[in-house]
Amino acid sequence: MQGLSLNGRVINTSSAYYNTANIVSVDGWTRMDVGARYRTRVSGKNVVLRANIENLLDEETWIMSGTYATVSAPRTFVLSAAIDF
């Protein structure tokens, strides 16, 4: 189908220690995302429609940044449209 693009992404993070004493650790995790983009013209205007699913398998993981840890977002659906005018 002309104008259709599919995409996928896999993010993998290894386990990490949460504290400087290397006593508390967080397990590694993998997240999969998929999506599609469709480019077309409507009334002479360029239109791009996008649909994405982040965390496709709805895995609950701990995400770390320095000494900050949070639970990952659940499966998330994202829809968008862009119109040139």
PDB file of N, CA and C in Angstrom:
ATOM      1  N   MET A   1       0.859  -1.173   0.000  1.00  0.00           N
ATOM      2  CA  MET A   1       0.000   0.000   0.000  1.00  0.00           C
ATOM      3  C   MET A   1       0.906   1.237   0.000  1.00  0.00           C
ATOM      4  N   GLN A   2       0.774   2.060  -1.010  1.00  0.00           N
ATOM      5  CA  GLN A   2       1.613   3.249  -1.134  1.00  0.00           C
ATOM      6  C   GLN A   2       1.304   4.240  -0.014  1.00  0.00           C
ATOM      7  N   GLY A   3       2.357   4.796   0.600  1.00  0.00           N
ATOM      8  CA  GLY A   3       2.211   5.762   1.675  1.00  0.00           C
ATOM      9  C   GLY A   3       2.232   5.155   3.062  1.00  0.00           C
ATOM     10  N   LEU A   4       2.206   3.819   3.156  1.00  0.00           N
ATOM     11  CA  LEU A   4       2.183   3.149   4.458  1.00  0.00           C
ATOM     12  C   LEU A   4       3.592   2.734   4.860  1.00  0.00           C
ATOM     13  N   SER A   5       3.960   3.042   6.095  1.00  0.00           N
ATOM     14  CA  SER A   5       5.238   2.616   6.668  1.00  0.00           C
ATOM     15  C   SER A   5       4.967   1.970   8.015  1.00  0.00           C
ATOM     16  N   LEU A   6       5.644   0.865   8.282  1.00  0.00           N
ATOM     17  CA  LEU A   6       5.537   0.185   9.573  1.00  0.00           C
ATOM     18  C   LEU A   6       6.867   0.332  10.304  1.00  0.00           C
ATOM     19  N   ASN A   7       6.807   0.388  11.620  1.00  0.00           N
ATOM     20  CA  ASN A   7       8.041   0.499  12.383  1.00  0.00           C
ATOM     21  C   ASN A   7       7.958  -0.341  13.649  1.00  0.00           C
ATOM     22  N   GLY A   8       9.113  -0.667  14.152  1.00  0.00           N
ATOM     23  CA  GLY A   8       9.202  -1.415  15.401  1.00  0.00           C
ATOM     24  C   GLY A   8      10.467  -1.014  16.132  1.00  0.00           C
ATOM     25  N   ARG A   9      10.451  -1.192  17.428  1.00  0.00           N
ATOM     26  CA  ARG A   9      11.612  -0.831  18.242  1.00  0.00           C
ATOM     27  C   ARG A   9      11.682  -1.791  19.423  1.00  0.00           C
ATOM     28  N   VAL A  10      12.885  -2.213  19.737  1.00  0.00           N
ATOM     29  CA  VAL A  10      13.134  -3.040  20.917  1.00  0.00           C
ATOM     30  C   VAL A  10      14.170  -2.311  21.761  1.00  0.00           C
ATOM     31  N   ILE A  11      13.841  -2.078  23.024  1.00  0.00           N
ATOM     32  CA  ILE A  11      14.759  -1.434  23.959  1.00  0.00           C
ATOM     33  C   ILE A  11      15.118  -2.469  25.017  1.00  0.00           C
ATOM     34  N   ASN A  12      16.417  -2.673  25.218  1.00  0.00           N
ATOM     35  CA  ASN A  12      16.873  -3.635  26.218  1.00  0.00           C
ATOM     36  C   ASN A  12      17.829  -2.930  27.170  1.00  0.00           C
ATOM     37  N   THR A  13      17.581  -3.089  28.455  1.00  0.00           N
ATOM     38  CA  THR A  13      18.435  -2.501  29.484  1.00  0.00           C
ATOM     39  C   THR A  13      18.863  -3.601  30.437  1.00  0.00           C
ATOM     40  N   SER A  14      20.139  -3.648  30.734  1.00  0.00           N
ATOM     41  CA  SER A  14      20.646  -4.678  31.637  1.00  0.00           C
ATOM     42  C   SER A  14      20.336  -4.317  33.086  1.00  0.00           C
ATOM     43  N   SER A  15      20.549  -5.262  33.969  1.00  0.00           N
ATOM     44  CA  SER A  15      20.327  -5.002  35.394  1.00  0.00           C
ATOM     45  C   SER A  15      21.305  -3.937  35.876  1.00  0.00           C
ATOM     46  N   ALA A  16      20.933  -3.268  36.964  1.00  0.00           N
ATOM     47  CA  ALA A  16      21.792  -2.201  37.501  1.00  0.00           C
ATOM     48  C   ALA A  16      21.636  -2.147  39.010  1.00  0.00           C
ATOM     49  N   TYR A  17      22.679  -1.691  39.664  1.00  0.00           N
ATOM     50  CA  TYR A  17      22.611  -1.501  41.110  1.00  0.00           C
ATOM     51  C   TYR A  17      21.964  -0.163  41.414  1.00  0.00           C
ATOM     52  N   TYR A  18      21.125  -0.155  42.451  1.00  0.00           N
ATOM     53  CA  TYR A  18      20.382   1.047  42.823  1.00  0.00           C
ATOM     54  C   TYR A  18      21.152   1.924  43.802  1.00  0.00           C
ATOM     55  N   ASN A  19      22.053   1.330  44.538  1.00  0.00           N
ATOM     56  CA  ASN A  19      22.788   2.127  45.532  1.00  0.00           C
ATOM     57  C   ASN A  19      24.298   1.986  45.314  1.00  0.00           C
ATOM     58  N   THR A  20      25.071   2.885  45.925  1.00  0.00           N
ATOM     59  CA  THR A  20      26.521   2.880  45.734  1.00  0.00           C
ATOM     60  C   THR A  20      27.214   1.715  46.417  1.00  0.00           C
ATOM     61  N   ALA A  21      26.550   1.084  47.367  1.00  0.00           N
ATOM     62  CA  ALA A  21      27.134  -0.076  48.053  1.00  0.00           C
ATOM     63  C   ALA A  21      26.924  -1.365  47.240  1.00  0.00           C
ATOM     64  N   ASN A  22      26.231  -1.271  46.112  1.00  0.00           N
ATOM     65  CA  ASN A  22      25.951  -2.421  45.242  1.00  0.00           C
ATOM     66  C   ASN A  22      25.227  -3.546  45.983  1.00  0.00           C
ATOM     67  N   ILE A  23      24.281  -3.174  46.833  1.00  0.00           N
ATOM     68  CA  ILE A  23      23.507  -4.155  47.596  1.00  0.00           C
ATOM     69  C   ILE A  23      22.134  -4.363  46.964  1.00  0.00           C
ATOM     70  N   VAL A  24      21.497  -3.284  46.557  1.00  0.00           N
ATOM     71  CA  VAL A  24      20.152  -3.347  45.978  1.00  0.00           C
ATOM     72  C   VAL A  24      20.274  -3.212  44.468  1.00  0.00           C
ATOM     73  N   SER A  25      19.666  -4.166  43.730  1.00  0.00           N
ATOM     74  CA  SER A  25      19.742  -4.094  42.267  1.00  0.00           C
ATOM     75  C   SER A  25      18.343  -4.158  41.654  1.00  0.00           C
ATOM     76  N   VAL A  26      18.269  -3.704  40.430  1.00  0.00           N
ATOM     77  CA  VAL A  26      17.032  -3.731  39.653  1.00  0.00           C
ATOM     78  C   VAL A  26      17.285  -4.647  38.465  1.00  0.00           C
ATOM     79  N   ASP A  27      16.331  -5.535  38.169  1.00  0.00           N
ATOM     80  CA  ASP A  27      16.474  -6.475  37.055  1.00  0.00           C
ATOM     81  C   ASP A  27      16.516  -5.743  35.716  1.00  0.00           C
ATOM     82  N   GLY A  28      17.162  -6.361  34.739  1.00  0.00           N
ATOM     83  CA  GLY A  28      17.148  -5.852  33.377  1.00  0.00           C
ATOM     84  C   GLY A  28      15.760  -6.014  32.779  1.00  0.00           C
ATOM     85  N   TRP A  29      15.501  -5.318  31.688  1.00  0.00           N
ATOM     86  CA  TRP A  29      14.179  -5.385  31.064  1.00  0.00           C
ATOM     87  C   TRP A  29      14.276  -5.135  29.565  1.00  0.00           C
ATOM     88  N   THR A  30      13.241  -5.568  28.853  1.00  0.00           N
ATOM     89  CA  THR A  30      13.129  -5.362  27.415  1.00  0.00           C
ATOM     90  C   THR A  30      11.733  -4.853  27.117  1.00  0.00           C
ATOM     91  N   ARG A  31      11.655  -3.823  26.275  1.00  0.00           N
ATOM     92  CA  ARG A  31      10.357  -3.260  25.881  1.00  0.00           C
ATOM     93  C   ARG A  31      10.255  -3.276  24.361  1.00  0.00           C
ATOM     94  N   MET A  32       9.069  -3.623  23.856  1.00  0.00           N
ATOM     95  CA  MET A  32       8.828  -3.627  22.416  1.00  0.00           C
ATOM     96  C   MET A  32       7.745  -2.607  22.074  1.00  0.00           C
ATOM     97  N   ASP A  33       8.003  -1.840  21.014  1.00  0.00           N
ATOM     98  CA  ASP A  33       7.058  -0.853  20.509  1.00  0.00           C
ATOM     99  C   ASP A  33       6.804  -1.140  19.030  1.00  0.00           C
ATOM    100  N   VAL A  34       5.600  -0.884  18.561  1.00  0.00           N
ATOM    101  CA  VAL A  34       5.269  -1.025  17.142  1.00  0.00           C
ATOM    102  C   VAL A  34       4.446   0.178  16.703  1.00  0.00           C
ATOM    103  N   GLY A  35       4.450   0.429  15.407  1.00  0.00           N
ATOM    104  CA  GLY A  35       3.659   1.553  14.928  1.00  0.00           C
ATOM    105  C   GLY A  35       3.520   1.547  13.420  1.00  0.00           C
ATOM    106  N   ALA A  36       2.724   2.495  12.953  1.00  0.00           N
ATOM    107  CA  ALA A  36       2.489   2.655  11.519  1.00  0.00           C
ATOM    108  C   ALA A  36       2.312   4.136  11.215  1.00  0.00           C
ATOM    109  N   ARG A  37       2.712   4.491   9.978  1.00  0.00           N
ATOM    110  CA  ARG A  37       2.536   5.856   9.496  1.00  0.00           C
ATOM    111  C   ARG A  37       1.926   5.777   8.111  1.00  0.00           C
ATOM    112  N   TYR A  38       0.957   6.638   7.839  1.00  0.00           N
ATOM    113  CA  TYR A  38       0.316   6.661   6.521  1.00  0.00           C
ATOM    114  C   TYR A  38       0.333   8.083   5.985  1.00  0.00           C
ATOM    115  N   ARG A  39       0.981   8.267   4.834  1.00  0.00           N
ATOM    116  CA  ARG A  39       1.046   9.578   4.173  1.00  0.00           C
ATOM    117  C   ARG A  39       0.056   9.580   3.014  1.00  0.00           C
ATOM    118  N   THR A  40      -0.756  10.648   2.942  1.00  0.00           N
ATOM    119  CA  THR A  40      -1.734  10.775   1.869  1.00  0.00           C
ATOM    120  C   THR A  40      -1.994  12.255   1.609  1.00  0.00           C
ATOM    121  N   ARG A  41      -2.911  12.536   0.711  1.00  0.00           N
ATOM    122  CA  ARG A  41      -3.343  13.908   0.443  1.00  0.00           C
ATOM    123  C   ARG A  41      -4.857  13.973   0.603  1.00  0.00           C
ATOM    124  N   VAL A  42      -5.310  15.021   1.275  1.00  0.00           N
ATOM    125  CA  VAL A  42      -6.742  15.253   1.476  1.00  0.00           C
ATOM    126  C   VAL A  42      -7.025  16.697   1.076  1.00  0.00           C
ATOM    127  N   SER A  43      -7.926  16.882   0.126  1.00  0.00           N
ATOM    128  CA  SER A  43      -8.271  18.221  -0.376  1.00  0.00           C
ATOM    129  C   SER A  43      -7.017  19.011  -0.782  1.00  0.00           C
ATOM    130  N   GLY A  44      -6.059  18.315  -1.413  1.00  0.00           N
ATOM    131  CA  GLY A  44      -4.850  18.961  -1.887  1.00  0.00           C
ATOM    132  C   GLY A  44      -3.806  19.230  -0.820  1.00  0.00           C
ATOM    133  N   LYS A  45      -4.029  18.806   0.401  1.00  0.00           N
ATOM    134  CA  LYS A  45      -3.099  19.023   1.511  1.00  0.00           C
ATOM    135  C   LYS A  45      -2.420  17.709   1.889  1.00  0.00           C
ATOM    136  N   ASN A  46      -1.117  17.784   2.211  1.00  0.00           N
ATOM    137  CA  ASN A  46      -0.400  16.600   2.691  1.00  0.00           C
ATOM    138  C   ASN A  46      -0.867  16.268   4.105  1.00  0.00           C
ATOM    139  N   VAL A  47      -1.161  14.991   4.332  1.00  0.00           N
ATOM    140  CA  VAL A  47      -1.637  14.517   5.638  1.00  0.00           C
ATOM    141  C   VAL A  47      -0.803  13.297   6.041  1.00  0.00           C
ATOM    142  N   VAL A  48      -0.367  13.286   7.301  1.00  0.00           N
ATOM    143  CA  VAL A  48       0.356  12.132   7.848  1.00  0.00           C
ATOM    144  C   VAL A  48      -0.406  11.658   9.089  1.00  0.00           C
ATOM    145  N   LEU A  49      -0.817  10.395   9.073  1.00  0.00           N
ATOM    146  CA  LEU A  49      -1.501   9.771  10.209  1.00  0.00           C
ATOM    147  C   LEU A  49      -0.549   8.771  10.852  1.00  0.00           C
ATOM    148  N   ARG A  50      -0.464   8.802  12.173  1.00  0.00           N
ATOM    149  CA  ARG A  50       0.432   7.884  12.889  1.00  0.00           C
ATOM    150  C   ARG A  50      -0.342   7.161  13.995  1.00  0.00           C
ATOM    151  N   ALA A  51       0.009   5.891  14.193  1.00  0.00           N
ATOM    152  CA  ALA A  51      -0.535   5.089  15.298  1.00  0.00           C
ATOM    153  C   ALA A  51       0.621   4.263  15.861  1.00  0.00           C
ATOM    154  N   ASN A  52       0.826   4.346  17.165  1.00  0.00           N
ATOM    155  CA  ASN A  52       1.911   3.615  17.822  1.00  0.00           C
ATOM    156  C   ASN A  52       1.403   2.940  19.090  1.00  0.00           C
ATOM    157  N   ILE A  53       2.007   1.818  19.393  1.00  0.00           N
ATOM    158  CA  ILE A  53       1.761   1.137  20.670  1.00  0.00           C
ATOM    159  C   ILE A  53       3.106   1.010  21.360  1.00  0.00           C
ATOM    160  N   GLU A  54       3.237   1.645  22.513  1.00  0.00           N
ATOM    161  CA  GLU A  54       4.450   1.555  23.310  1.00  0.00           C
ATOM    162  C   GLU A  54       4.226   0.536  24.424  1.00  0.00           C
ATOM    163  N   ASN A  55       5.252  -0.240  24.741  1.00  0.00           N
ATOM    164  CA  ASN A  55       5.168  -1.323  25.721  1.00  0.00           C
ATOM    165  C   ASN A  55       4.106  -2.334  25.271  1.00  0.00           C
ATOM    166  N   LEU A  56       4.294  -2.837  24.073  1.00  0.00           N
ATOM    167  CA  LEU A  56       3.340  -3.749  23.429  1.00  0.00           C
ATOM    168  C   LEU A  56       2.902  -4.905  24.324  1.00  0.00           C
ATOM    169  N   LEU A  57       3.827  -5.492  25.057  1.00  0.00           N
ATOM    170  CA  LEU A  57       3.509  -6.662  25.887  1.00  0.00           C
ATOM    171  C   LEU A  57       3.041  -6.293  27.290  1.00  0.00           C
ATOM    172  N   ASP A  58       2.903  -4.990  27.571  1.00  0.00           N
ATOM    173  CA  ASP A  58       2.407  -4.495  28.850  1.00  0.00           C
ATOM    174  C   ASP A  58       3.224  -5.024  30.033  1.00  0.00           C
ATOM    175  N   GLU A  59       4.566  -5.020  29.865  1.00  0.00           N
ATOM    176  CA  GLU A  59       5.461  -5.473  30.927  1.00  0.00           C
ATOM    177  C   GLU A  59       5.648  -4.374  31.959  1.00  0.00           C
ATOM    178  N   GLU A  60       5.592  -4.725  33.236  1.00  0.00           N
ATOM    179  CA  GLU A  60       5.864  -3.769  34.306  1.00  0.00           C
ATOM    180  C   GLU A  60       7.315  -3.921  34.719  1.00  0.00           C
ATOM    181  N   THR A  61       8.080  -2.844  34.579  1.00  0.00           N
ATOM    182  CA  THR A  61       9.503  -2.887  34.900  1.00  0.00           C
ATOM    183  C   THR A  61       9.882  -1.668  35.728  1.00  0.00           C
ATOM    184  N   TRP A  62      11.050  -1.746  36.342  1.00  0.00           N
ATOM    185  CA  TRP A  62      11.614  -0.602  37.051  1.00  0.00           C
ATOM    186  C   TRP A  62      12.580   0.099  36.120  1.00  0.00           C
ATOM    187  N   ILE A  63      12.441   1.408  35.994  1.00  0.00           N
ATOM    188  CA  ILE A  63      13.335   2.217  35.165  1.00  0.00           C
ATOM    189  C   ILE A  63      14.167   3.081  36.090  1.00  0.00           C
ATOM    190  N   MET A  64      15.490   3.061  35.867  1.00  0.00           N
ATOM    191  CA  MET A  64      16.397   3.806  36.749  1.00  0.00           C
ATOM    192  C   MET A  64      17.112   4.912  35.993  1.00  0.00           C
ATOM    193  N   SER A  65      17.370   5.990  36.717  1.00  0.00           N
ATOM    194  CA  SER A  65      18.191   7.087  36.211  1.00  0.00           C
ATOM    195  C   SER A  65      18.962   7.641  37.407  1.00  0.00           C
ATOM    196  N   GLY A  66      20.240   7.314  37.480  1.00  0.00           N
ATOM    197  CA  GLY A  66      21.023   7.717  38.651  1.00  0.00           C
ATOM    198  C   GLY A  66      20.505   7.012  39.891  1.00  0.00           C
ATOM    199  N   THR A  67      20.081   7.766  40.897  1.00  0.00           N
ATOM    200  CA  THR A  67      19.521   7.170  42.120  1.00  0.00           C
ATOM    201  C   THR A  67      18.002   7.283  42.146  1.00  0.00           C
ATOM    202  N   TYR A  68      17.387   7.527  40.994  1.00  0.00           N
ATOM    203  CA  TYR A  68      15.938   7.668  40.892  1.00  0.00           C
ATOM    204  C   TYR A  68      15.374   6.453  40.163  1.00  0.00           C
ATOM    205  N   ALA A  69      14.345   5.837  40.723  1.00  0.00           N
ATOM    206  CA  ALA A  69      13.713   4.673  40.103  1.00  0.00           C
ATOM    207  C   ALA A  69      12.208   4.882  40.046  1.00  0.00           C
ATOM    208  N   THR A  70      11.597   4.444  38.956  1.00  0.00           N
ATOM    209  CA  THR A  70      10.157   4.554  38.788  1.00  0.00           C
ATOM    210  C   THR A  70       9.638   3.342  38.022  1.00  0.00           C
ATOM    211  N   VAL A  71       8.361   3.054  38.144  1.00  0.00           N
ATOM    212  CA  VAL A  71       7.747   1.949  37.407  1.00  0.00           C
ATOM    213  C   VAL A  71       7.430   2.429  35.993  1.00  0.00           C
ATOM    214  N   SER A  72       7.647   1.565  35.019  1.00  0.00           N
ATOM    215  CA  SER A  72       7.403   1.917  33.620  1.00  0.00           C
ATOM    216  C   SER A  72       5.922   2.188  33.363  1.00  0.00           C
ATOM    217  N   ALA A  73       5.662   2.894  32.277  1.00  0.00           N
ATOM    218  CA  ALA A  73       4.282   3.166  31.861  1.00  0.00           C
ATOM    219  C   ALA A  73       3.656   1.873  31.337  1.00  0.00           C
ATOM    220  N   PRO A  74       2.350   1.692  31.517  1.00  0.00           N
ATOM    221  CA  PRO A  74       1.690   0.507  30.963  1.00  0.00           C
ATOM    222  C   PRO A  74       1.602   0.617  29.443  1.00  0.00           C
ATOM    223  N   ARG A  75       1.016  -0.389  28.801  1.00  0.00           N
ATOM    224  CA  ARG A  75       0.813  -0.331  27.353  1.00  0.00           C
ATOM    225  C   ARG A  75       0.123   0.985  27.016  1.00  0.00           C
ATOM    226  N   THR A  76       0.665   1.704  26.047  1.00  0.00           N
ATOM    227  CA  THR A  76       0.165   3.029  25.713  1.00  0.00           C
ATOM    228  C   THR A  76      -0.093   3.132  24.216  1.00  0.00           C
ATOM    229  N   PHE A  77      -1.277   3.612  23.844  1.00  0.00           N
ATOM    230  CA  PHE A  77      -1.647   3.826  22.448  1.00  0.00           C
ATOM    231  C   PHE A  77      -1.517   5.320  22.145  1.00  0.00           C
ATOM    232  N   VAL A  78      -0.827   5.637  21.059  1.00  0.00           N
ATOM    233  CA  VAL A  78      -0.613   7.028  20.678  1.00  0.00           C
ATOM    234  C   VAL A  78      -1.086   7.213  19.240  1.00  0.00           C
ATOM    235  N   LEU A  79      -2.013   8.151  19.037  1.00  0.00           N
ATOM    236  CA  LEU A  79      -2.510   8.482  17.701  1.00  0.00           C
ATOM    237  C   LEU A  79      -2.208   9.939  17.416  1.00  0.00           C
ATOM    238  N   SER A  80      -1.815  10.250  16.186  1.00  0.00           N
ATOM    239  CA  SER A  80      -1.568  11.642  15.832  1.00  0.00           C
ATOM    240  C   SER A  80      -1.837  11.857  14.352  1.00  0.00           C
ATOM    241  N   ALA A  81      -2.066  13.118  14.001  1.00  0.00           N
ATOM    242  CA  ALA A  81      -2.250  13.517  12.611  1.00  0.00           C
ATOM    243  C   ALA A  81      -1.547  14.842  12.395  1.00  0.00           C
ATOM    244  N   ALA A  82      -0.923  14.988  11.248  1.00  0.00           N
ATOM    245  CA  ALA A  82      -0.278  16.244  10.878  1.00  0.00           C
ATOM    246  C   ALA A  82      -0.789  16.643   9.502  1.00  0.00           C
ATOM    247  N   ILE A  83      -1.186  17.895   9.367  1.00  0.00           N
ATOM    248  CA  ILE A  83      -1.743  18.394   8.102  1.00  0.00           C
ATOM    249  C   ILE A  83      -0.973  19.651   7.698  1.00  0.00           C
ATOM    250  N   ASP A  84      -0.454  19.647   6.483  1.00  0.00           N
ATOM    251  CA  ASP A  84       0.203  20.838   5.939  1.00  0.00           C
ATOM    252  C   ASP A  84      -0.866  21.775   5.400  1.00  0.00           C
ATOM    253  N   PHE A  85      -0.839  23.036   5.840  1.00  0.00           N
ATOM    254  CA  PHE A  85      -1.799  23.998   5.288  1.00  0.00           C
ATOM    255  C   PHE A  85      -1.167  25.347   5.112  1.00  0.00           C
TER     256      PHE A  85
END
